[in-house]
PDB file of all heavy atoms in Angstrom:
ATOM      1  N   PRO A   1    -135.072  88.981   9.043  1.00  0.00           N
ATOM      2  CA  PRO A   1    -135.032  88.780   7.666  1.00  0.00           C
ATOM      3  C   PRO A   1    -135.679  87.427   7.307  1.00  0.00           C
ATOM      4  O   PRO A   1    -136.382  87.419   6.216  1.00  0.00           O
ATOM      5  CB  PRO A   1    -133.531  88.733   7.283  1.00  0.00           C
ATOM      6  CG  PRO A   1    -132.927  89.451   8.435  1.00  0.00           C
ATOM      7  CD  PRO A   1    -133.671  89.143   9.658  1.00  0.00           C
ATOM      8  N   GLU A   2    -135.619  86.407   8.095  1.00  0.00           N
ATOM      9  CA  GLU A   2    -136.251  85.187   7.871  1.00  0.00           C
ATOM     10  C   GLU A   2    -137.705  85.270   7.891  1.00  0.00           C
ATOM     11  O   GLU A   2    -138.404  84.635   7.156  1.00  0.00           O
ATOM     12  CB  GLU A   2    -135.744  84.149   8.860  1.00  0.00           C
ATOM     13  CG  GLU A   2    -134.262  83.740   8.856  1.00  0.00           C
ATOM     14  CD  GLU A   2    -133.376  84.843   9.476  1.00  0.00           C
ATOM     15  OE1 GLU A   2    -133.911  85.739  10.187  1.00  0.00           O
ATOM     16  OE2 GLU A   2    -132.123  84.718   9.281  1.00  0.00           O
ATOM     17  N   ALA A   3    -138.272  86.156   8.840  1.00  0.00           N
ATOM     18  CA  ALA A   3    -139.669  86.302   8.870  1.00  0.00           C
ATOM     19  C   ALA A   3    -140.217  86.883   7.597  1.00  0.00           C
ATOM     20  O   ALA A   3    -141.180  86.581   7.034  1.00  0.00           O
ATOM     21  CB  ALA A   3    -140.102  87.151  10.042  1.00  0.00           C
ATOM     22  N   PHE A   4    -139.451  87.937   7.099  1.00  0.00           N
ATOM     23  CA  PHE A   4    -139.823  88.603   5.867  1.00  0.00           C
ATOM     24  C   PHE A   4    -139.822  87.633   4.653  1.00  0.00           C
ATOM     25  O   PHE A   4    -140.828  87.690   3.782  1.00  0.00           O
ATOM     26  CB  PHE A   4    -139.024  89.775   5.544  1.00  0.00           C
ATOM     27  CG  PHE A   4    -139.408  90.709   4.417  1.00  0.00           C
ATOM     28  CD1 PHE A   4    -140.590  91.378   4.521  1.00  0.00           C
ATOM     29  CD2 PHE A   4    -138.635  90.730   3.251  1.00  0.00           C
ATOM     30  CE1 PHE A   4    -141.153  92.147   3.430  1.00  0.00           C
ATOM     31  CE2 PHE A   4    -139.180  91.553   2.171  1.00  0.00           C
ATOM     32  CZ  PHE A   4    -140.351  92.276   2.307  1.00  0.00           C
ATOM     33  N   ALA A   5    -138.814  86.811   4.577  1.00  0.00           N
ATOM     34  CA  ALA A   5    -138.711  85.827   3.485  1.00  0.00           C
ATOM     35  C   ALA A   5    -139.841  84.759   3.626  1.00  0.00           C
ATOM     36  O   ALA A   5    -140.359  84.389   2.545  1.00  0.00           O
ATOM     37  CB  ALA A   5    -137.390  85.106   3.565  1.00  0.00           C
ATOM     38  N   ARG A   6    -140.268  84.481   4.808  1.00  0.00           N
ATOM     39  CA  ARG A   6    -141.168  83.395   5.032  1.00  0.00           C
ATOM     40  C   ARG A   6    -142.570  83.926   4.802  1.00  0.00           C
ATOM     41  O   ARG A   6    -143.558  83.227   4.162  1.00  0.00           O
ATOM     42  CB  ARG A   6    -141.003  82.883   6.405  1.00  0.00           C
ATOM     43  CG  ARG A   6    -142.011  81.757   6.777  1.00  0.00           C
ATOM     44  CD  ARG A   6    -141.633  81.142   8.117  1.00  0.00           C
ATOM     45  NE  ARG A   6    -141.712  82.113   9.206  1.00  0.00           N
ATOM     46  CZ  ARG A   6    -140.644  82.550   9.923  1.00  0.00           C
ATOM     47  NH1 ARG A   6    -139.406  82.111   9.652  1.00  0.00           N
ATOM     48  NH2 ARG A   6    -140.757  83.428  10.910  1.00  0.00           N
ATOM     49  N   ASN A   7    -142.889  85.170   5.280  1.00  0.00           N
ATOM     50  CA  ASN A   7    -144.293  85.647   5.228  1.00  0.00           C
ATOM     51  C   ASN A   7    -144.263  87.207   5.011  1.00  0.00           C
ATOM     52  O   ASN A   7    -144.517  87.927   5.970  1.00  0.00           O
ATOM     53  CB  ASN A   7    -145.147  85.222   6.386  1.00  0.00           C
ATOM     54  CG  ASN A   7    -146.596  85.564   6.214  1.00  0.00           C
ATOM     55  OD1 ASN A   7    -146.979  86.269   5.375  1.00  0.00           O
ATOM     56  ND2 ASN A   7    -147.401  84.895   7.168  1.00  0.00           N
ATOM     57  N   PRO A   8    -143.828  87.655   3.910  1.00  0.00           N
ATOM     58  CA  PRO A   8    -143.616  89.066   3.674  1.00  0.00           C
ATOM     59  C   PRO A   8    -144.985  89.883   3.829  1.00  0.00           C
ATOM     60  O   PRO A   8    -145.018  90.989   4.328  1.00  0.00           O
ATOM     61  CB  PRO A   8    -143.110  89.198   2.268  1.00  0.00           C
ATOM     62  CG  PRO A   8    -143.532  87.948   1.634  1.00  0.00           C
ATOM     63  CD  PRO A   8    -143.444  86.999   2.642  1.00  0.00           C
ATOM     64  N   ALA A   9    -146.122  89.287   3.544  1.00  0.00           N
ATOM     65  CA  ALA A   9    -147.428  90.009   3.719  1.00  0.00           C
ATOM     66  C   ALA A   9    -147.664  90.337   5.117  1.00  0.00           C
ATOM     67  O   ALA A   9    -148.077  91.453   5.468  1.00  0.00           O
ATOM     68  CB  ALA A   9    -148.577  89.138   3.167  1.00  0.00           C
ATOM     69  N   MET A  10    -147.430  89.396   6.065  1.00  0.00           N
ATOM     70  CA  MET A  10    -147.642  89.605   7.430  1.00  0.00           C
ATOM     71  C   MET A  10    -146.708  90.702   8.025  1.00  0.00           C
ATOM     72  O   MET A  10    -147.100  91.537   8.734  1.00  0.00           O
ATOM     73  CB  MET A  10    -147.561  88.333   8.291  1.00  0.00           C
ATOM     74  CG  MET A  10    -147.868  88.577   9.720  1.00  0.00           C
ATOM     75  SD  MET A  10    -147.865  86.974  10.717  1.00  0.00           S
ATOM     76  CE  MET A  10    -146.008  86.697  10.852  1.00  0.00           C
ATOM     77  N   VAL A  11    -145.449  90.635   7.622  1.00  0.00           N
ATOM     78  CA  VAL A  11    -144.435  91.576   8.113  1.00  0.00           C
ATOM     79  C   VAL A  11    -144.865  93.004   7.555  1.00  0.00           C
ATOM     80  O   VAL A  11    -144.872  93.856   8.353  1.00  0.00           O
ATOM     81  CB  VAL A  11    -143.024  91.194   7.636  1.00  0.00           C
ATOM     82  CG1 VAL A  11    -142.043  92.277   7.908  1.00  0.00           C
ATOM     83  CG2 VAL A  11    -142.624  89.927   8.324  1.00  0.00           C
ATOM     84  N   HIS A  12    -145.166  93.055   6.341  1.00  0.00           N
ATOM     85  CA  HIS A  12    -145.694  94.361   5.791  1.00  0.00           C
ATOM     86  C   HIS A  12    -146.834  94.904   6.658  1.00  0.00           C
ATOM     87  O   HIS A  12    -146.829  96.064   6.939  1.00  0.00           O
ATOM     88  CB  HIS A  12    -145.993  94.212   4.241  1.00  0.00           C
ATOM     89  CG  HIS A  12    -144.929  94.453   3.343  1.00  0.00           C
ATOM     90  ND1 HIS A  12    -144.029  95.499   3.417  1.00  0.00           N
ATOM     91  CD2 HIS A  12    -144.573  93.652   2.257  1.00  0.00           C
ATOM     92  CE1 HIS A  12    -143.224  95.378   2.399  1.00  0.00           C
ATOM     93  NE2 HIS A  12    -143.411  94.317   1.711  1.00  0.00           N
ATOM     94  N   GLU A  13    -147.856  94.113   6.905  1.00  0.00           N
ATOM     95  CA  GLU A  13    -148.941  94.553   7.608  1.00  0.00           C
ATOM     96  C   GLU A  13    -148.637  95.026   8.961  1.00  0.00           C
ATOM     97  O   GLU A  13    -149.161  95.969   9.501  1.00  0.00           O
ATOM     98  CB  GLU A  13    -150.107  93.477   7.641  1.00  0.00           C
ATOM     99  CG  GLU A  13    -151.329  93.873   8.386  1.00  0.00           C
ATOM    100  CD  GLU A  13    -151.890  95.201   7.810  1.00  0.00           C
ATOM    101  OE1 GLU A  13    -151.688  95.534   6.623  1.00  0.00           O
ATOM    102  OE2 GLU A  13    -152.696  95.865   8.510  1.00  0.00           O
ATOM    103  N   PHE A  14    -147.658  94.326   9.557  1.00  0.00           N
ATOM    104  CA  PHE A  14    -147.238  94.782  11.004  1.00  0.00           C
ATOM    105  C   PHE A  14    -146.691  96.135  10.974  1.00  0.00           C
ATOM    106  O   PHE A  14    -146.988  97.035  11.674  1.00  0.00           O
ATOM    107  CB  PHE A  14    -146.121  93.760  11.506  1.00  0.00           C
ATOM    108  CG  PHE A  14    -145.608  94.114  12.808  1.00  0.00           C
ATOM    109  CD1 PHE A  14    -146.229  93.792  13.965  1.00  0.00           C
ATOM    110  CD2 PHE A  14    -144.412  94.765  12.975  1.00  0.00           C
ATOM    111  CE1 PHE A  14    -145.694  94.162  15.275  1.00  0.00           C
ATOM    112  CE2 PHE A  14    -143.819  95.131  14.182  1.00  0.00           C
ATOM    113  CZ  PHE A  14    -144.591  94.805  15.375  1.00  0.00           C
ATOM    114  N   TYR A  15    -145.808  96.407   9.975  1.00  0.00           N
ATOM    115  CA  TYR A  15    -145.219  97.780   9.931  1.00  0.00           C
ATOM    116  C   TYR A  15    -146.108  98.779   9.208  1.00  0.00           C
ATOM    117  O   TYR A  15    -146.112  99.966   9.543  1.00  0.00           O
ATOM    118  CB  TYR A  15    -143.866  97.707   9.173  1.00  0.00           C
ATOM    119  CG  TYR A  15    -142.887  97.027  10.011  1.00  0.00           C
ATOM    120  CD1 TYR A  15    -142.558  95.680   9.777  1.00  0.00           C
ATOM    121  CD2 TYR A  15    -142.199  97.675  11.070  1.00  0.00           C
ATOM    122  CE1 TYR A  15    -141.659  94.913  10.501  1.00  0.00           C
ATOM    123  CE2 TYR A  15    -141.296  97.001  11.820  1.00  0.00           C
ATOM    124  CZ  TYR A  15    -141.055  95.633  11.607  1.00  0.00           C
ATOM    125  OH  TYR A  15    -140.197  94.993  12.433  1.00  0.00           O
ATOM    126  N   ASN A  16    -147.122  98.312   8.482  1.00  0.00           N
ATOM    127  CA  ASN A  16    -148.127  99.220   8.002  1.00  0.00           C
ATOM    128  C   ASN A  16    -148.881  99.755   9.125  1.00  0.00           C
ATOM    129  O   ASN A  16    -149.298 100.983   9.128  1.00  0.00           O
ATOM    130  CB  ASN A  16    -149.006  98.521   6.976  1.00  0.00           C
ATOM    131  CG  ASN A  16    -148.333  98.246   5.589  1.00  0.00           C
ATOM    132  OD1 ASN A  16    -147.357  98.865   5.314  1.00  0.00           O
ATOM    133  ND2 ASN A  16    -148.945  97.300   4.904  1.00  0.00           N
ATOM    134  N   MET A  17    -149.264  98.948  10.129  1.00  0.00           N
ATOM    135  CA  MET A  17    -149.973  99.348  11.288  1.00  0.00           C
ATOM    136  C   MET A  17    -149.177 100.334  12.120  1.00  0.00           C
ATOM    137  O   MET A  17    -149.759 101.379  12.621  1.00  0.00           O
ATOM    138  CB  MET A  17    -150.405  98.111  12.078  1.00  0.00           C
ATOM    139  CG  MET A  17    -151.435  97.207  11.548  1.00  0.00           C
ATOM    140  SD  MET A  17    -151.573  95.634  12.427  1.00  0.00           S
ATOM    141  CE  MET A  17    -152.172  96.344  13.984  1.00  0.00           C
ATOM    142  N   ARG A  18    -147.882 100.127  12.226  1.00  0.00           N
ATOM    143  CA  ARG A  18    -147.069 101.084  12.995  1.00  0.00           C
ATOM    144  C   ARG A  18    -147.096 102.369  12.175  1.00  0.00           C
ATOM    145  O   ARG A  18    -147.011 103.470  12.911  1.00  0.00           O
ATOM    146  CB  ARG A  18    -145.614 100.493  13.023  1.00  0.00           C
ATOM    147  CG  ARG A  18    -145.435  99.101  13.498  1.00  0.00           C
ATOM    148  CD  ARG A  18    -145.627  98.939  15.033  1.00  0.00           C
ATOM    149  NE  ARG A  18    -146.863  99.074  15.581  1.00  0.00           N
ATOM    150  CZ  ARG A  18    -147.759  98.138  15.365  1.00  0.00           C
ATOM    151  NH1 ARG A  18    -147.536  97.005  14.852  1.00  0.00           N
ATOM    152  NH2 ARG A  18    -148.959  98.263  16.010  1.00  0.00           N
ATOM    153  N   ARG A  19    -146.974 102.362  10.954  1.00  0.00           N
ATOM    154  CA  ARG A  19    -146.865 103.541  10.136  1.00  0.00           C
ATOM    155  C   ARG A  19    -148.141 104.374  10.251  1.00  0.00           C
ATOM    156  O   ARG A  19    -148.130 105.583  10.498  1.00  0.00           O
ATOM    157  CB  ARG A  19    -146.565 103.324   8.695  1.00  0.00           C
ATOM    158  CG  ARG A  19    -146.051 104.350   7.767  1.00  0.00           C
ATOM    159  CD  ARG A  19    -145.732 104.033   6.446  1.00  0.00           C
ATOM    160  NE  ARG A  19    -144.654 103.049   6.386  1.00  0.00           N
ATOM    161  CZ  ARG A  19    -144.867 101.671   6.130  1.00  0.00           C
ATOM    162  NH1 ARG A  19    -146.027 101.272   5.812  1.00  0.00           N
ATOM    163  NH2 ARG A  19    -143.772 100.937   6.255  1.00  0.00           N
ATOM    164  N   ARG A  20    -149.260 103.691  10.097  1.00  0.00           N
ATOM    165  CA  ARG A  20    -150.551 104.315  10.200  1.00  0.00           C
ATOM    166  C   ARG A  20    -150.754 104.908  11.623  1.00  0.00           C
ATOM    167  O   ARG A  20    -151.265 106.053  11.737  1.00  0.00           O
ATOM    168  CB  ARG A  20    -151.759 103.356  10.052  1.00  0.00           C
ATOM    169  CG  ARG A  20    -151.871 102.824   8.626  1.00  0.00           C
ATOM    170  CD  ARG A  20    -152.917 101.711   8.515  1.00  0.00           C
ATOM    171  NE  ARG A  20    -152.663 100.691   7.538  1.00  0.00           N
ATOM    172  CZ  ARG A  20    -152.886  99.439   7.655  1.00  0.00           C
ATOM    173  NH1 ARG A  20    -153.528  98.980   8.861  1.00  0.00           N
ATOM    174  NH2 ARG A  20    -152.632  98.502   6.781  1.00  0.00           N
ATOM    175  N   GLY A  21    -150.353 104.213  12.666  1.00  0.00           N
ATOM    176  CA  GLY A  21    -150.456 104.781  14.009  1.00  0.00           C
ATOM    177  C   GLY A  21    -149.640 106.029  14.161  1.00  0.00           C
ATOM    178  O   GLY A  21    -150.015 106.945  14.826  1.00  0.00           O
ATOM    179  N   LEU A  22    -148.428 106.027  13.604  1.00  0.00           N
ATOM    180  CA  LEU A  22    -147.553 107.199  13.797  1.00  0.00           C
ATOM    181  C   LEU A  22    -148.168 108.428  13.059  1.00  0.00           C
ATOM    182  O   LEU A  22    -147.947 109.699  13.484  1.00  0.00           O
ATOM    183  CB  LEU A  22    -146.143 106.835  13.131  1.00  0.00           C
ATOM    184  CG  LEU A  22    -145.203 108.015  13.093  1.00  0.00           C
ATOM    185  CD1 LEU A  22    -144.905 108.570  14.513  1.00  0.00           C
ATOM    186  CD2 LEU A  22    -143.890 107.524  12.431  1.00  0.00           C
ATOM    187  N   LEU A  23    -148.801 108.230  11.984  1.00  0.00           N
ATOM    188  CA  LEU A  23    -149.350 109.306  11.131  1.00  0.00           C
ATOM    189  C   LEU A  23    -150.705 109.824  11.619  1.00  0.00           C
ATOM    190  O   LEU A  23    -151.300 110.636  10.955  1.00  0.00           O
ATOM    191  CB  LEU A  23    -149.317 108.931   9.686  1.00  0.00           C
ATOM    192  CG  LEU A  23    -148.025 108.669   9.012  1.00  0.00           C
ATOM    193  CD1 LEU A  23    -148.207 108.076   7.605  1.00  0.00           C
ATOM    194  CD2 LEU A  23    -147.190 109.893   9.037  1.00  0.00           C
ATOM    195  N   LYS A  24    -151.249 109.250  12.690  1.00  0.00           N
ATOM    196  CA  LYS A  24    -152.465 109.733  13.216  1.00  0.00           C
ATOM    197  C   LYS A  24    -152.336 111.262  13.591  1.00  0.00           C
ATOM    198  O   LYS A  24    -151.301 111.623  14.219  1.00  0.00           O
ATOM    199  CB  LYS A  24    -152.984 108.924  14.348  1.00  0.00           C
ATOM    200  CG  LYS A  24    -153.514 107.519  13.972  1.00  0.00           C
ATOM    201  CD  LYS A  24    -153.964 106.770  15.231  1.00  0.00           C
ATOM    202  CE  LYS A  24    -154.430 105.352  14.808  1.00  0.00           C
ATOM    203  NZ  LYS A  24    -154.816 104.604  15.998  1.00  0.00           N
ATOM    204  N   PRO A  25    -153.288 112.028  13.353  1.00  0.00           N
ATOM    205  CA  PRO A  25    -153.097 113.484  13.749  1.00  0.00           C
ATOM    206  C   PRO A  25    -152.824 113.749  15.222  1.00  0.00           C
ATOM    207  O   PRO A  25    -152.273 114.827  15.549  1.00  0.00           O
ATOM    208  CB  PRO A  25    -154.454 114.163  13.282  1.00  0.00           C
ATOM    209  CG  PRO A  25    -155.452 113.008  13.064  1.00  0.00           C
ATOM    210  CD  PRO A  25    -154.639 111.761  12.769  1.00  0.00           C
ATOM    211  N   GLU A  26    -153.362 112.864  16.082  1.00  0.00           N
ATOM    212  CA  GLU A  26    -153.170 113.045  17.553  1.00  0.00           C
ATOM    213  C   GLU A  26    -151.732 112.697  18.057  1.00  0.00           C
ATOM    214  O   GLU A  26    -151.440 112.961  19.127  1.00  0.00           O
ATOM    215  CB  GLU A  26    -154.194 112.324  18.334  1.00  0.00           C
ATOM    216  CG  GLU A  26    -154.085 110.764  18.243  1.00  0.00           C
ATOM    217  CD  GLU A  26    -155.039 110.249  17.164  1.00  0.00           C
ATOM    218  OE1 GLU A  26    -155.290 110.980  16.055  1.00  0.00           O
ATOM    219  OE2 GLU A  26    -155.309 109.099  17.204  1.00  0.00           O
ATOM    220  N   ILE A  27    -150.848 112.076  17.153  1.00  0.00           N
ATOM    221  CA  ILE A  27    -149.575 111.688  17.576  1.00  0.00           C
ATOM    222  C   ILE A  27    -148.646 112.777  17.270  1.00  0.00           C
ATOM    223  O   ILE A  27    -148.430 113.128  16.109  1.00  0.00           O
ATOM    224  CB  ILE A  27    -149.159 110.422  16.885  1.00  0.00           C
ATOM    225  CG1 ILE A  27    -150.063 109.258  17.256  1.00  0.00           C
ATOM    226  CG2 ILE A  27    -147.731 110.041  17.305  1.00  0.00           C
ATOM    227  CD1 ILE A  27    -150.168 108.874  18.757  1.00  0.00           C
ATOM    228  N   ASN A  28    -148.043 113.365  18.262  1.00  0.00           N
ATOM    229  CA  ASN A  28    -147.072 114.570  18.042  1.00  0.00           C
ATOM    230  C   ASN A  28    -145.976 114.439  19.126  1.00  0.00           C
ATOM    231  O   ASN A  28    -146.039 113.819  20.047  1.00  0.00           O
ATOM    232  CB  ASN A  28    -147.823 115.820  18.424  1.00  0.00           C
ATOM    233  CG  ASN A  28    -148.974 116.117  17.388  1.00  0.00           C
ATOM    234  OD1 ASN A  28    -148.653 116.382  16.256  1.00  0.00           O
ATOM    235  ND2 ASN A  28    -150.216 116.057  17.723  1.00  0.00           N
ATOM    236  N   PRO A  29    -144.901 115.244  18.817  1.00  0.00           N
ATOM    237  CA  PRO A  29    -143.757 115.212  19.846  1.00  0.00           C
ATOM    238  C   PRO A  29    -144.318 115.670  21.129  1.00  0.00           C
ATOM    239  O   PRO A  29    -145.150 116.597  21.302  1.00  0.00           O
ATOM    240  CB  PRO A  29    -142.855 116.231  19.096  1.00  0.00           C
ATOM    241  CG  PRO A  29    -143.137 116.268  17.733  1.00  0.00           C
ATOM    242  CD  PRO A  29    -144.602 116.029  17.712  1.00  0.00           C
ATOM    243  N   ASN A  30    -143.687 115.208  22.235  1.00  0.00           N
ATOM    244  CA  ASN A  30    -144.094 115.542  23.544  1.00  0.00           C
ATOM    245  C   ASN A  30    -143.067 116.525  24.203  1.00  0.00           C
ATOM    246  O   ASN A  30    -141.998 116.713  23.468  1.00  0.00           O
ATOM    247  CB  ASN A  30    -144.377 114.332  24.385  1.00  0.00           C
ATOM    248  CG  ASN A  30    -143.174 113.478  24.609  1.00  0.00           C
ATOM    249  OD1 ASN A  30    -142.123 113.928  25.080  1.00  0.00           O
ATOM    250  ND2 ASN A  30    -143.267 112.171  24.301  1.00  0.00           N
ATOM    251  N   PRO A  31    -143.115 116.940  25.373  1.00  0.00           N
ATOM    252  CA  PRO A  31    -142.256 117.971  25.937  1.00  0.00           C
ATOM    253  C   PRO A  31    -140.841 117.396  26.115  1.00  0.00           C
ATOM    254  O   PRO A  31    -139.815 118.191  25.994  1.00  0.00           O
ATOM    255  CB  PRO A  31    -142.777 118.284  27.280  1.00  0.00           C
ATOM    256  CG  PRO A  31    -144.257 118.042  27.103  1.00  0.00           C
ATOM    257  CD  PRO A  31    -144.479 116.960  26.175  1.00  0.00           C
ATOM    258  N   ALA A  32    -140.661 116.075  26.188  1.00  0.00           N
ATOM    259  CA  ALA A  32    -139.344 115.532  26.246  1.00  0.00           C
ATOM    260  C   ALA A  32    -138.643 115.659  24.775  1.00  0.00           C
ATOM    261  O   ALA A  32    -137.427 115.979  24.691  1.00  0.00           O
ATOM    262  CB  ALA A  32    -139.383 114.018  26.572  1.00  0.00           C
ATOM    263  N   HIS A  33    -139.322 115.329  23.768  1.00  0.00           N
ATOM    264  CA  HIS A  33    -138.754 115.547  22.412  1.00  0.00           C
ATOM    265  C   HIS A  33    -138.430 116.963  22.217  1.00  0.00           C
ATOM    266  O   HIS A  33    -137.310 117.384  21.655  1.00  0.00           O
ATOM    267  CB  HIS A  33    -139.781 115.182  21.342  1.00  0.00           C
ATOM    268  CG  HIS A  33    -140.047 113.662  21.267  1.00  0.00           C
ATOM    269  ND1 HIS A  33    -141.307 113.256  21.712  1.00  0.00           N
ATOM    270  CD2 HIS A  33    -139.383 112.692  20.735  1.00  0.00           C
ATOM    271  CE1 HIS A  33    -141.343 111.861  21.592  1.00  0.00           C
ATOM    272  NE2 HIS A  33    -140.170 111.510  21.060  1.00  0.00           N
ATOM    273  N   LEU A  34    -139.222 117.867  22.663  1.00  0.00           N
ATOM    274  CA  LEU A  34    -138.997 119.329  22.370  1.00  0.00           C
ATOM    275  C   LEU A  34    -137.870 119.818  23.169  1.00  0.00           C
ATOM    276  O   LEU A  34    -137.028 120.698  22.806  1.00  0.00           O
ATOM    277  CB  LEU A  34    -140.297 120.064  22.720  1.00  0.00           C
ATOM    278  CG  LEU A  34    -141.562 119.779  21.868  1.00  0.00           C
ATOM    279  CD1 LEU A  34    -142.814 120.437  22.446  1.00  0.00           C
ATOM    280  CD2 LEU A  34    -141.351 120.290  20.406  1.00  0.00           C
ATOM    281  N   ALA A  35    -137.731 119.263  24.466  1.00  0.00           N
ATOM    282  CA  ALA A  35    -136.531 119.702  25.272  1.00  0.00           C
ATOM    283  C   ALA A  35    -135.234 119.323  24.732  1.00  0.00           C
ATOM    284  O   ALA A  35    -134.255 120.130  24.714  1.00  0.00           O
ATOM    285  CB  ALA A  35    -136.773 119.056  26.626  1.00  0.00           C
ATOM    286  N   LEU A  36    -135.224 118.128  24.032  1.00  0.00           N
ATOM    287  CA  LEU A  36    -133.898 117.702  23.434  1.00  0.00           C
ATOM    288  C   LEU A  36    -133.586 118.632  22.177  1.00  0.00           C
ATOM    289  O   LEU A  36    -132.399 118.924  21.934  1.00  0.00           O
ATOM    290  CB  LEU A  36    -133.988 116.256  23.104  1.00  0.00           C
ATOM    291  CG  LEU A  36    -134.164 115.214  24.243  1.00  0.00           C
ATOM    292  CD1 LEU A  36    -134.001 113.829  23.712  1.00  0.00           C
ATOM    293  CD2 LEU A  36    -133.045 115.463  25.239  1.00  0.00           C
ATOM    294  N   ALA A  37    -134.661 118.929  21.476  1.00  0.00           N
ATOM    295  CA  ALA A  37    -134.457 119.863  20.338  1.00  0.00           C
ATOM    296  C   ALA A  37    -133.943 121.215  20.860  1.00  0.00           C
ATOM    297  O   ALA A  37    -133.080 121.867  20.216  1.00  0.00           O
ATOM    298  CB  ALA A  37    -135.633 119.988  19.585  1.00  0.00           C
ATOM    299  N   GLU A  38    -134.526 121.693  21.914  1.00  0.00           N
ATOM    300  CA  GLU A  38    -134.075 122.975  22.428  1.00  0.00           C
ATOM    301  C   GLU A  38    -132.602 122.830  22.907  1.00  0.00           C
ATOM    302  O   GLU A  38    -131.807 123.797  22.791  1.00  0.00           O
ATOM    303  CB  GLU A  38    -135.015 123.343  23.653  1.00  0.00           C
ATOM    304  CG  GLU A  38    -134.604 124.679  24.232  1.00  0.00           C
ATOM    305  CD  GLU A  38    -135.460 125.038  25.498  1.00  0.00           C
ATOM    306  OE1 GLU A  38    -136.085 124.035  25.987  1.00  0.00           O
ATOM    307  OE2 GLU A  38    -135.349 126.111  25.919  1.00  0.00           O
ATOM    308  N   LEU A  39    -132.246 121.715  23.637  1.00  0.00           N
ATOM    309  CA  LEU A  39    -130.893 121.507  23.955  1.00  0.00           C
ATOM    310  C   LEU A  39    -129.944 121.705  22.850  1.00  0.00           C
ATOM    311  O   LEU A  39    -128.897 122.340  22.965  1.00  0.00           O
ATOM    312  CB  LEU A  39    -130.765 120.235  24.715  1.00  0.00           C
ATOM    313  CG  LEU A  39    -129.374 119.885  25.223  1.00  0.00           C
ATOM    314  CD1 LEU A  39    -128.912 120.851  26.270  1.00  0.00           C
ATOM    315  CD2 LEU A  39    -129.299 118.432  25.762  1.00  0.00           C
ATOM    316  N   GLU A  40    -130.279 120.953  21.757  1.00  0.00           N
ATOM    317  CA  GLU A  40    -129.406 120.967  20.589  1.00  0.00           C
ATOM    318  C   GLU A  40    -129.235 122.410  20.039  1.00  0.00           C
ATOM    319  O   GLU A  40    -128.182 122.843  19.636  1.00  0.00           O
ATOM    320  CB  GLU A  40    -129.934 120.197  19.473  1.00  0.00           C
ATOM    321  CG  GLU A  40    -129.103 120.134  18.081  1.00  0.00           C
ATOM    322  CD  GLU A  40    -129.829 119.438  17.127  1.00  0.00           C
ATOM    323  OE1 GLU A  40    -130.763 120.028  16.458  1.00  0.00           O
ATOM    324  OE2 GLU A  40    -129.509 118.262  16.745  1.00  0.00           O
ATOM    325  N   GLN A  41    -130.357 123.141  20.053  1.00  0.00           N
ATOM    326  CA  GLN A  41    -130.280 124.464  19.479  1.00  0.00           C
ATOM    327  C   GLN A  41    -129.499 125.516  20.455  1.00  0.00           C
ATOM    328  O   GLN A  41    -128.751 126.419  19.909  1.00  0.00           O
ATOM    329  CB  GLN A  41    -131.761 125.025  19.370  1.00  0.00           C
ATOM    330  CG  GLN A  41    -131.842 126.493  18.818  1.00  0.00           C
ATOM    331  CD  GLN A  41    -133.302 126.937  18.825  1.00  0.00           C
ATOM    332  OE1 GLN A  41    -134.195 126.385  19.465  1.00  0.00           O
ATOM    333  NE2 GLN A  41    -133.548 127.994  18.024  1.00  0.00           N
ATOM    334  N   LYS A  42    -129.620 125.297  21.672  1.00  0.00           N
ATOM    335  CA  LYS A  42    -129.030 126.378  22.640  1.00  0.00           C
ATOM    336  C   LYS A  42    -127.754 125.886  23.184  1.00  0.00           C
ATOM    337  O   LYS A  42    -126.955 126.822  23.741  1.00  0.00           O
ATOM    338  CB  LYS A  42    -130.031 126.587  23.800  1.00  0.00           C
ATOM    339  CG  LYS A  42    -131.275 127.224  23.259  1.00  0.00           C
ATOM    340  CD  LYS A  42    -132.215 127.545  24.489  1.00  0.00           C
ATOM    341  CE  LYS A  42    -133.481 128.300  24.015  1.00  0.00           C
ATOM    342  NZ  LYS A  42    -134.431 128.524  25.133  1.00  0.00           N
ATOM    343  N   TRP A  43    -127.268 124.589  23.131  1.00  0.00           N
ATOM    344  CA  TRP A  43    -126.088 124.201  23.845  1.00  0.00           C
ATOM    345  C   TRP A  43    -124.848 124.576  22.940  1.00  0.00           C
ATOM    346  O   TRP A  43    -124.866 124.331  21.720  1.00  0.00           O
ATOM    347  CB  TRP A  43    -126.086 122.680  23.980  1.00  0.00           C
ATOM    348  CG  TRP A  43    -124.988 122.164  24.852  1.00  0.00           C
ATOM    349  CD1 TRP A  43    -123.777 121.444  24.361  1.00  0.00           C
ATOM    350  CD2 TRP A  43    -124.723 122.291  26.216  1.00  0.00           C
ATOM    351  NE1 TRP A  43    -123.011 121.179  25.363  1.00  0.00           N
ATOM    352  CE2 TRP A  43    -123.545 121.732  26.618  1.00  0.00           C
ATOM    353  CE3 TRP A  43    -125.578 122.969  27.158  1.00  0.00           C
ATOM    354  CZ2 TRP A  43    -122.964 121.675  27.818  1.00  0.00           C
ATOM    355  CZ3 TRP A  43    -124.948 122.888  28.506  1.00  0.00           C
ATOM    356  CH2 TRP A  43    -123.835 122.287  28.796  1.00  0.00           C
TER     357      TRP A  43
END
């Protein structure tokens, strides 16, 4: 919280980069994510 109070623009840019990276079309769930979803569905 102190970082955000001190330099909110830099903190925003850091998480903006994380958000942009996550939303790239090549980023998708992998077989481990899918296996846990299957476990929830079938267990």
